[in-house]
Amino acid sequence: MAEAGACPICGQPRHARFRPFCSRRCADLDLVKWLKGDYAAPGEPVDEGDLAGERSRGGDDPRR
């Protein structure tokens, strides 16, 4: 784990412009991790069948 004041991706000193990262590159690498689903909050497993049923009923989506 990076020390306080260090970029969480590479460990180099942080740059105020890209805080908490050191560069645009490290900020972009972090964004890619989020978009790929590498970061996830723990939770209960979701049954795919339950999701399909909600879609067909309209679920709680107020847009329907």
PDB file of N, CA and C in Angstrom:
ATOM      1  N   MET A   1       0.847  -1.190   0.000  1.00  0.00           N
ATOM      2  CA  MET A   1       0.000   0.000   0.000  1.00  0.00           C
ATOM      3  C   MET A   1       0.886   1.245   0.000  1.00  0.00           C
ATOM      4  N   ALA A   2       0.478   2.230  -0.756  1.00  0.00           N
ATOM      5  CA  ALA A   2       1.262   3.459  -0.859  1.00  0.00           C
ATOM      6  C   ALA A   2       1.194   4.258   0.440  1.00  0.00           C
ATOM      7  N   GLU A   3       2.301   4.914   0.752  1.00  0.00           N
ATOM      8  CA  GLU A   3       2.327   5.729   1.965  1.00  0.00           C
ATOM      9  C   GLU A   3       1.502   7.000   1.764  1.00  0.00           C
ATOM     10  N   ALA A   4       1.190   7.671   2.867  1.00  0.00           N
ATOM     11  CA  ALA A   4       0.422   8.914   2.786  1.00  0.00           C
ATOM     12  C   ALA A   4       1.182   9.917   1.933  1.00  0.00           C
ATOM     13  N   GLY A   5       0.484  10.579   1.043  1.00  0.00           N
ATOM     14  CA  GLY A   5       1.113  11.539   0.171  1.00  0.00           C
ATOM     15  C   GLY A   5       1.689  10.933  -1.091  1.00  0.00           C
ATOM     16  N   ALA A   6       1.472   9.633  -1.277  1.00  0.00           N
ATOM     17  CA  ALA A   6       1.989   8.953  -2.460  1.00  0.00           C
ATOM     18  C   ALA A   6       0.828   8.533  -3.362  1.00  0.00           C
ATOM     19  N   CYS A   7       1.101   8.443  -4.637  1.00  0.00           N
ATOM     20  CA  CYS A   7       0.119   7.998  -5.624  1.00  0.00           C
ATOM     21  C   CYS A   7      -0.307   6.566  -5.292  1.00  0.00           C
ATOM     22  N   PRO A   8      -1.602   6.283  -5.234  1.00  0.00           N
ATOM     23  CA  PRO A   8      -2.052   4.930  -4.906  1.00  0.00           C
ATOM     24  C   PRO A   8      -1.775   3.909  -6.011  1.00  0.00           C
ATOM     25  N   ILE A   9      -1.438   4.355  -7.209  1.00  0.00           N
ATOM     26  CA  ILE A   9      -1.163   3.436  -8.314  1.00  0.00           C
ATOM     27  C   ILE A   9       0.318   3.072  -8.370  1.00  0.00           C
ATOM     28  N   CYS A  10       1.209   4.071  -8.353  1.00  0.00           N
ATOM     29  CA  CYS A  10       2.636   3.784  -8.549  1.00  0.00           C
ATOM     30  C   CYS A  10       3.521   4.118  -7.355  1.00  0.00           C
ATOM     31  N   GLY A  11       2.987   4.863  -6.372  1.00  0.00           N
ATOM     32  CA  GLY A  11       3.771   5.190  -5.187  1.00  0.00           C
ATOM     33  C   GLY A  11       4.619   6.442  -5.286  1.00  0.00           C
ATOM     34  N   GLN A  12       4.622   7.105  -6.436  1.00  0.00           N
ATOM     35  CA  GLN A  12       5.371   8.354  -6.598  1.00  0.00           C
ATOM     36  C   GLN A  12       4.657   9.476  -5.826  1.00  0.00           C
ATOM     37  N   PRO A  13       5.341  10.579  -5.557  1.00  0.00           N
ATOM     38  CA  PRO A  13       4.687  11.701  -4.866  1.00  0.00           C
ATOM     39  C   PRO A  13       3.483  12.209  -5.662  1.00  0.00           C
ATOM     40  N   ARG A  14       2.447  12.582  -4.941  1.00  0.00           N
ATOM     41  CA  ARG A  14       1.222  13.094  -5.579  1.00  0.00           C
ATOM     42  C   ARG A  14       1.473  14.451  -6.218  1.00  0.00           C
ATOM     43  N   HIS A  15       0.681  14.767  -7.230  1.00  0.00           N
ATOM     44  CA  HIS A  15       0.732  16.078  -7.883  1.00  0.00           C
ATOM     45  C   HIS A  15      -0.625  16.730  -7.646  1.00  0.00           C
ATOM     46  N   ALA A  16      -0.626  17.985  -7.231  1.00  0.00           N
ATOM     47  CA  ALA A  16      -1.874  18.667  -6.884  1.00  0.00           C
ATOM     48  C   ALA A  16      -2.885  18.643  -8.028  1.00  0.00           C
ATOM     49  N   ARG A  17      -2.419  18.733  -9.252  1.00  0.00           N
ATOM     50  CA  ARG A  17      -3.327  18.768 -10.408  1.00  0.00           C
ATOM     51  C   ARG A  17      -4.079  17.441 -10.587  1.00  0.00           C
ATOM     52  N   PHE A  18      -3.451  16.331 -10.221  1.00  0.00           N
ATOM     53  CA  PHE A  18      -4.045  15.015 -10.445  1.00  0.00           C
ATOM     54  C   PHE A  18      -4.409  14.311  -9.144  1.00  0.00           C
ATOM     55  N   ARG A  19      -4.448  15.038  -8.051  1.00  0.00           N
ATOM     56  CA  ARG A  19      -4.697  14.476  -6.730  1.00  0.00           C
ATOM     57  C   ARG A  19      -5.832  13.471  -6.747  1.00  0.00           C
ATOM     58  N   PRO A  20      -5.716  12.296  -6.205  1.00  0.00           N
ATOM     59  CA  PRO A  20      -4.629  11.807  -5.357  1.00  0.00           C
ATOM     60  C   PRO A  20      -3.523  11.094  -6.128  1.00  0.00           C
ATOM     61  N   PHE A  21      -3.480  11.272  -7.426  1.00  0.00           N
ATOM     62  CA  PHE A  21      -2.498  10.581  -8.252  1.00  0.00           C
ATOM     63  C   PHE A  21      -1.317  11.493  -8.572  1.00  0.00           C
ATOM     64  N   CYS A  22      -0.294  10.912  -9.208  1.00  0.00           N
ATOM     65  CA  CYS A  22       0.888  11.696  -9.561  1.00  0.00           C
ATOM     66  C   CYS A  22       0.811  12.224 -10.988  1.00  0.00           C
ATOM     67  N   SER A  23      -0.036  11.611 -11.820  1.00  0.00           N
ATOM     68  CA  SER A  23      -0.078  11.995 -13.234  1.00  0.00           C
ATOM     69  C   SER A  23      -1.425  11.610 -13.849  1.00  0.00           C
ATOM     70  N   ARG A  24      -1.663  12.120 -15.035  1.00  0.00           N
ATOM     71  CA  ARG A  24      -2.867  11.768 -15.798  1.00  0.00           C
ATOM     72  C   ARG A  24      -2.873  10.265 -16.070  1.00  0.00           C
ATOM     73  N   ARG A  25      -1.693   9.702 -16.354  1.00  0.00           N
ATOM     74  CA  ARG A  25      -1.584   8.273 -16.657  1.00  0.00           C
ATOM     75  C   ARG A  25      -2.111   7.425 -15.498  1.00  0.00           C
ATOM     76  N   CYS A  26      -1.680   7.716 -14.285  1.00  0.00           N
ATOM     77  CA  CYS A  26      -2.131   6.933 -13.132  1.00  0.00           C
ATOM     78  C   CYS A  26      -3.625   7.150 -12.872  1.00  0.00           C
ATOM     79  N   ALA A  27      -4.111   8.374 -13.076  1.00  0.00           N
ATOM     80  CA  ALA A  27      -5.543   8.639 -12.918  1.00  0.00           C
ATOM     81  C   ALA A  27      -6.336   7.821 -13.936  1.00  0.00           C
ATOM     82  N   ASP A  28      -5.847   7.757 -15.174  1.00  0.00           N
ATOM     83  CA  ASP A  28      -6.530   6.982 -16.215  1.00  0.00           C
ATOM     84  C   ASP A  28      -6.476   5.489 -15.922  1.00  0.00           C
ATOM     85  N   LEU A  29      -5.354   4.994 -15.411  1.00  0.00           N
ATOM     86  CA  LEU A  29      -5.255   3.576 -15.055  1.00  0.00           C
ATOM     87  C   LEU A  29      -6.273   3.223 -13.969  1.00  0.00           C
ATOM     88  N   ASP A  30      -6.453   4.123 -13.006  1.00  0.00           N
ATOM     89  CA  ASP A  30      -7.435   3.894 -11.954  1.00  0.00           C
ATOM     90  C   ASP A  30      -8.851   3.877 -12.537  1.00  0.00           C
ATOM     91  N   LEU A  31      -9.148   4.778 -13.448  1.00  0.00           N
ATOM     92  CA  LEU A  31     -10.462   4.818 -14.087  1.00  0.00           C
ATOM     93  C   LEU A  31     -10.737   3.514 -14.836  1.00  0.00           C
ATOM     94  N   VAL A  32      -9.744   3.012 -15.543  1.00  0.00           N
ATOM     95  CA  VAL A  32      -9.906   1.746 -16.277  1.00  0.00           C
ATOM     96  C   VAL A  32     -10.238   0.608 -15.305  1.00  0.00           C
ATOM     97  N   LYS A  33      -9.584   0.598 -14.139  1.00  0.00           N
ATOM     98  CA  LYS A  33      -9.884  -0.443 -13.147  1.00  0.00           C
ATOM     99  C   LYS A  33     -11.344  -0.366 -12.712  1.00  0.00           C
ATOM    100  N   TRP A  34     -11.858   0.837 -12.498  1.00  0.00           N
ATOM    101  CA  TRP A  34     -13.267   0.996 -12.128  1.00  0.00           C
ATOM    102  C   TRP A  34     -14.178   0.511 -13.249  1.00  0.00           C
ATOM    103  N   LEU A  35     -13.881   0.913 -14.473  1.00  0.00           N
ATOM    104  CA  LEU A  35     -14.742   0.558 -15.600  1.00  0.00           C
ATOM    105  C   LEU A  35     -14.739  -0.941 -15.890  1.00  0.00           C
ATOM    106  N   LYS A  36     -13.614  -1.615 -15.656  1.00  0.00           N
ATOM    107  CA  LYS A  36     -13.531  -3.060 -15.875  1.00  0.00           C
ATOM    108  C   LYS A  36     -14.154  -3.857 -14.733  1.00  0.00           C
ATOM    109  N   GLY A  37     -14.474  -3.191 -13.621  1.00  0.00           N
ATOM    110  CA  GLY A  37     -15.055  -3.889 -12.485  1.00  0.00           C
ATOM    111  C   GLY A  37     -14.023  -4.500 -11.555  1.00  0.00           C
ATOM    112  N   ASP A  38     -12.754  -4.068 -11.660  1.00  0.00           N
ATOM    113  CA  ASP A  38     -11.722  -4.578 -10.768  1.00  0.00           C
ATOM    114  C   ASP A  38     -11.966  -4.158  -9.328  1.00  0.00           C
ATOM    115  N   TYR A  39     -12.607  -3.013  -9.130  1.00  0.00           N
ATOM    116  CA  TYR A  39     -12.971  -2.558  -7.797  1.00  0.00           C
ATOM    117  C   TYR A  39     -14.440  -2.904  -7.611  1.00  0.00           C
ATOM    118  N   ALA A  40     -14.766  -3.492  -6.489  1.00  0.00           N
ATOM    119  CA  ALA A  40     -16.162  -3.845  -6.232  1.00  0.00           C
ATOM    120  C   ALA A  40     -16.436  -3.807  -4.736  1.00  0.00           C
ATOM    121  N   ALA A  41     -17.624  -3.390  -4.386  1.00  0.00           N
ATOM    122  CA  ALA A  41     -18.047  -3.408  -2.991  1.00  0.00           C
ATOM    123  C   ALA A  41     -18.613  -4.789  -2.676  1.00  0.00           C
ATOM    124  N   PRO A  42     -18.218  -5.377  -1.552  1.00  0.00           N
ATOM    125  CA  PRO A  42     -18.742  -6.697  -1.216  1.00  0.00           C
ATOM    126  C   PRO A  42     -20.239  -6.630  -0.934  1.00  0.00           C
ATOM    127  N   GLY A  43     -20.930  -7.685  -1.255  1.00  0.00           N
ATOM    128  CA  GLY A  43     -22.363  -7.748  -1.012  1.00  0.00           C
ATOM    129  C   GLY A  43     -22.880  -9.148  -1.223  1.00  0.00           C
ATOM    130  N   GLU A  44     -24.146  -9.315  -1.051  1.00  0.00           N
ATOM    131  CA  GLU A  44     -24.781 -10.607  -1.245  1.00  0.00           C
ATOM    132  C   GLU A  44     -24.775 -10.963  -2.730  1.00  0.00           C
ATOM    133  N   PRO A  45     -24.578 -12.237  -3.053  1.00  0.00           N
ATOM    134  CA  PRO A  45     -24.659 -12.652  -4.455  1.00  0.00           C
ATOM    135  C   PRO A  45     -26.052 -12.375  -5.023  1.00  0.00           C
ATOM    136  N   VAL A  46     -26.110 -12.023  -6.293  1.00  0.00           N
ATOM    137  CA  VAL A  46     -27.381 -11.729  -6.948  1.00  0.00           C
ATOM    138  C   VAL A  46     -27.742 -12.906  -7.841  1.00  0.00           C
ATOM    139  N   ASP A  47     -28.972 -13.379  -7.716  1.00  0.00           N
ATOM    140  CA  ASP A  47     -29.462 -14.463  -8.560  1.00  0.00           C
ATOM    141  C   ASP A  47     -29.900 -13.858  -9.894  1.00  0.00           C
ATOM    142  N   GLU A  48     -29.289 -14.311 -10.983  1.00  0.00           N
ATOM    143  CA  GLU A  48     -29.607 -13.769 -12.310  1.00  0.00           C
ATOM    144  C   GLU A  48     -31.088 -13.930 -12.643  1.00  0.00           C
ATOM    145  N   GLY A  49     -31.723 -14.978 -12.162  1.00  0.00           N
ATOM    146  CA  GLY A  49     -33.152 -15.194 -12.402  1.00  0.00           C
ATOM    147  C   GLY A  49     -33.994 -14.093 -11.786  1.00  0.00           C
ATOM    148  N   ASP A  50     -33.594 -13.617 -10.609  1.00  0.00           N
ATOM    149  CA  ASP A  50     -34.322 -12.521  -9.960  1.00  0.00           C
ATOM    150  C   ASP A  50     -34.247 -11.260 -10.804  1.00  0.00           C
ATOM    151  N   LEU A  51     -33.098 -10.992 -11.400  1.00  0.00           N
ATOM    152  CA  LEU A  51     -32.954  -9.801 -12.233  1.00  0.00           C
ATOM    153  C   LEU A  51     -33.840  -9.888 -13.472  1.00  0.00           C
ATOM    154  N   ALA A  52     -33.907 -11.043 -14.099  1.00  0.00           N
ATOM    155  CA  ALA A  52     -34.726 -11.211 -15.296  1.00  0.00           C
ATOM    156  C   ALA A  52     -36.199 -10.996 -14.962  1.00  0.00           C
ATOM    157  N   GLY A  53     -36.640 -11.481 -13.816  1.00  0.00           N
ATOM    158  CA  GLY A  53     -38.031 -11.295 -13.395  1.00  0.00           C
ATOM    159  C   GLY A  53     -38.359  -9.838 -13.162  1.00  0.00           C
ATOM    160  N   GLU A  54     -37.453  -9.101 -12.569  1.00  0.00           N
ATOM    161  CA  GLU A  54     -37.691  -7.677 -12.328  1.00  0.00           C
ATOM    162  C   GLU A  54     -37.780  -6.908 -13.634  1.00  0.00           C
ATOM    163  N   ARG A  55     -36.956  -7.276 -14.599  1.00  0.00           N
ATOM    164  CA  ARG A  55     -36.999  -6.566 -15.891  1.00  0.00           C
ATOM    165  C   ARG A  55     -38.335  -6.793 -16.589  1.00  0.00           C
ATOM    166  N   SER A  56     -38.853  -8.017 -16.543  1.00  0.00           N
ATOM    167  CA  SER A  56     -40.100  -8.300 -17.234  1.00  0.00           C
ATOM    168  C   SER A  56     -41.295  -7.645 -16.532  1.00  0.00           C
ATOM    169  N   ARG A  57     -41.232  -7.463 -15.214  1.00  0.00           N
ATOM    170  CA  ARG A  57     -42.325  -6.828 -14.478  1.00  0.00           C
ATOM    171  C   ARG A  57     -42.189  -5.303 -14.456  1.00  0.00           C
ATOM    172  N   GLY A  58     -41.028  -4.829 -14.792  1.00  0.00           N
ATOM    173  CA  GLY A  58     -40.795  -3.391 -14.722  1.00  0.00           C
ATOM    174  C   GLY A  58     -40.094  -3.001 -13.443  1.00  0.00           C
ATOM    175  N   GLY A  59     -40.018  -3.900 -12.456  1.00  0.00           N
ATOM    176  CA  GLY A  59     -39.298  -3.627 -11.213  1.00  0.00           C
ATOM    177  C   GLY A  59     -39.791  -2.357 -10.558  1.00  0.00           C
ATOM    178  N   ASP A  60     -38.908  -1.672  -9.893  1.00  0.00           N
ATOM    179  CA  ASP A  60     -39.239  -0.414  -9.215  1.00  0.00           C
ATOM    180  C   ASP A  60     -38.776   0.776 -10.025  1.00  0.00           C
ATOM    181  N   ASP A  61     -38.521   0.578 -11.295  1.00  0.00           N
ATOM    182  CA  ASP A  61     -38.021   1.642 -12.152  1.00  0.00           C
ATOM    183  C   ASP A  61     -39.148   2.636 -12.448  1.00  0.00           C
ATOM    184  N   PRO A  62     -39.040   3.890 -11.938  1.00  0.00           N
ATOM    185  CA  PRO A  62     -40.102   4.869 -12.153  1.00  0.00           C
ATOM    186  C   PRO A  62     -40.208   5.341 -13.603  1.00  0.00           C
ATOM    187  N   ARG A  63     -39.224   5.011 -14.426  1.00  0.00           N
ATOM    188  CA  ARG A  63     -39.268   5.442 -15.836  1.00  0.00           C
ATOM    189  C   ARG A  63     -40.231   4.599 -16.643  1.00  0.00           C
ATOM    190  N   ARG A  64     -40.712   3.508 -16.120  1.00  0.00           N
ATOM    191  CA  ARG A  64     -41.631   2.619 -16.863  1.00  0.00           C
ATOM    192  C   ARG A  64     -43.058   2.975 -16.573  1.00  0.00           C
TER     193      ARG A  64
END
